[in-house]
Amino acid sequence: MHCLDRVKAALLTVSDNVGHYEALKQDDDYIVWAEDGGDQLNADNAMQEQAITGKVHLYTRTEYSLLVSAIQNAMKSAKISFSLSTVQYEDSTKYIHYSWDFEVSGVEDRV
């Protein structure tokens, strides 16, 4: 299993409207996630460990949406490191936009 599969699987336990890089359906609540970089540990002239970083975005029109804690609980259960980075109200769309930074280790990709 690729370490990013853990992110997708965790988010799908919260909603089926989860898109990678772009929204599937922009109605009601929806989640979009994407990887955006990484970090690595090098030793003996080779990469030994790798972590992939990214963002999870929730768009909701529900004040105090239960999806916020559901997303956090899903990532915690999947052992995905995360932090809530921003919460914004978007005047043009009337969505409340939550954004989390995440980091997953690539350790399980090793053979």
Protein backbone atom coordinates (compact mmCIF):
# COMPACT_ATOMS: atom_id res chain seq x y z
CA MET A 1 0.00 0.00 0.00
CA HIS A 2 1.32 3.43 -0.87
CA CYS A 3 1.39 5.81 2.08
CA LEU A 4 -0.97 8.22 0.24
CA ASP A 5 -3.58 5.45 0.04
CA ARG A 6 -3.92 5.84 3.82
CA VAL A 7 -4.94 9.48 3.37
CA LYS A 8 -7.57 8.66 0.75
CA ALA A 9 -8.91 5.69 2.74
CA ALA A 10 -9.18 7.75 5.93
CA LEU A 11 -11.10 10.54 4.19
CA LEU A 12 -13.45 8.08 2.49
CA THR A 13 -14.57 6.90 5.94
CA VAL A 14 -15.93 10.42 6.46
CA SER A 15 -17.55 11.11 3.08
CA ASP A 16 -17.77 9.64 -0.40
CA ASN A 17 -17.38 13.13 -1.90
CA VAL A 18 -13.57 13.12 -1.70
CA GLY A 19 -11.46 14.35 -4.60
CA HIS A 20 -7.73 14.13 -5.23
CA TYR A 21 -6.47 17.52 -6.52
CA GLU A 22 -9.98 18.65 -7.52
CA ALA A 23 -13.52 18.39 -6.23
CA LEU A 24 -15.75 15.55 -7.40
CA LYS A 25 -19.06 17.32 -6.75
CA GLN A 26 -19.21 20.86 -5.46
CA ASP A 27 -22.54 20.53 -3.72
CA ASP A 28 -23.17 20.62 0.01
CA ASP A 29 -20.00 19.44 1.79
CA TYR A 30 -16.95 18.20 -0.08
CA ILE A 31 -13.35 17.27 0.61
CA VAL A 32 -10.30 17.77 -1.60
CA TRP A 33 -6.81 16.55 -0.77
CA ALA A 34 -3.43 16.61 -2.48
CA GLU A 35 0.20 15.96 -1.75
CA ASP A 36 2.46 19.00 -2.10
CA GLY A 37 5.98 18.01 -1.12
CA GLY A 38 7.96 16.01 1.32
CA ASP A 39 11.02 15.53 3.41
CA GLN A 40 13.56 12.78 3.67
CA LEU A 41 16.32 11.33 5.80
CA ASN A 42 19.53 10.48 3.97
CA ALA A 43 22.31 8.22 5.25
CA ASP A 44 25.08 6.21 3.59
CA ASN A 45 24.61 8.22 0.38
CA ALA A 46 21.00 7.09 -0.03
CA MET A 47 17.50 8.07 1.04
CA GLN A 48 16.57 5.97 4.07
CA GLU A 49 13.20 7.45 5.03
CA GLN A 50 10.70 9.65 3.25
CA ALA A 51 7.67 11.61 4.37
CA ILE A 52 5.10 13.08 2.01
CA THR A 53 3.30 16.29 2.95
CA GLY A 54 0.03 17.66 1.68
CA LYS A 55 -3.23 19.44 2.39
CA VAL A 56 -6.77 18.33 3.16
CA HIS A 57 -9.54 20.85 2.47
CA LEU A 58 -13.11 20.69 3.73
CA TYR A 59 -15.72 22.97 2.17
CA THR A 60 -18.95 23.19 4.14
CA ARG A 61 -21.83 25.57 4.57
CA THR A 62 -22.66 24.10 7.98
CA GLU A 63 -21.51 26.14 10.94
CA TYR A 64 -19.77 23.89 13.48
CA SER A 65 -19.83 20.98 11.02
CA LEU A 66 -19.34 17.56 12.56
CA LEU A 67 -17.15 16.72 9.56
CA VAL A 68 -14.33 18.74 11.12
CA SER A 69 -13.88 16.35 14.04
CA ALA A 70 -14.71 13.36 11.82
CA ILE A 71 -11.82 14.22 9.48
CA GLN A 72 -9.44 14.73 12.39
CA ASN A 73 -10.51 11.47 14.04
CA ALA A 74 -10.13 9.59 10.75
CA MET A 75 -6.60 10.91 10.22
CA LYS A 76 -5.69 10.17 13.83
CA SER A 77 -7.01 6.60 13.51
CA ALA A 78 -5.01 6.12 10.29
CA LYS A 79 -1.85 7.37 12.05
CA ILE A 80 -1.57 10.39 9.77
CA SER A 81 0.20 13.37 11.31
CA PHE A 82 -1.84 16.56 10.80
CA SER A 83 -2.53 20.06 12.00
CA LEU A 84 -5.41 22.43 11.31
CA SER A 85 -3.78 25.28 9.42
CA THR A 86 -6.60 27.66 8.41
CA VAL A 87 -10.31 28.26 8.66
CA GLN A 88 -11.79 30.87 6.33
CA TYR A 89 -15.20 32.02 5.24
CA GLU A 90 -15.43 32.49 1.50
CA ASP A 91 -17.85 35.32 0.69
CA SER A 92 -18.19 34.44 -2.99
CA THR A 93 -19.21 30.79 -2.42
CA LYS A 94 -20.63 31.04 1.12
CA TYR A 95 -18.45 28.06 2.12
CA ILE A 96 -16.51 27.71 5.33
CA HIS A 97 -13.12 26.38 4.20
CA TYR A 98 -11.06 24.29 6.63
CA SER A 99 -7.52 23.32 5.69
CA TRP A 100 -5.20 20.80 7.35
CA ASP A 101 -1.54 20.10 6.68
CA PHE A 102 -0.72 16.39 6.75
CA GLU A 103 2.39 14.25 6.67
CA VAL A 104 2.62 10.52 6.06
CA SER A 105 5.65 8.30 6.18
CA GLY A 106 6.69 6.21 3.21
CA VAL A 107 7.99 3.43 5.45
CA GLU A 108 5.27 0.96 4.40
CA ASP A 109 6.38 1.31 0.75
CA ARG A 110 9.58 -0.59 1.47
CA VAL A 111 9.90 -4.22 0.46
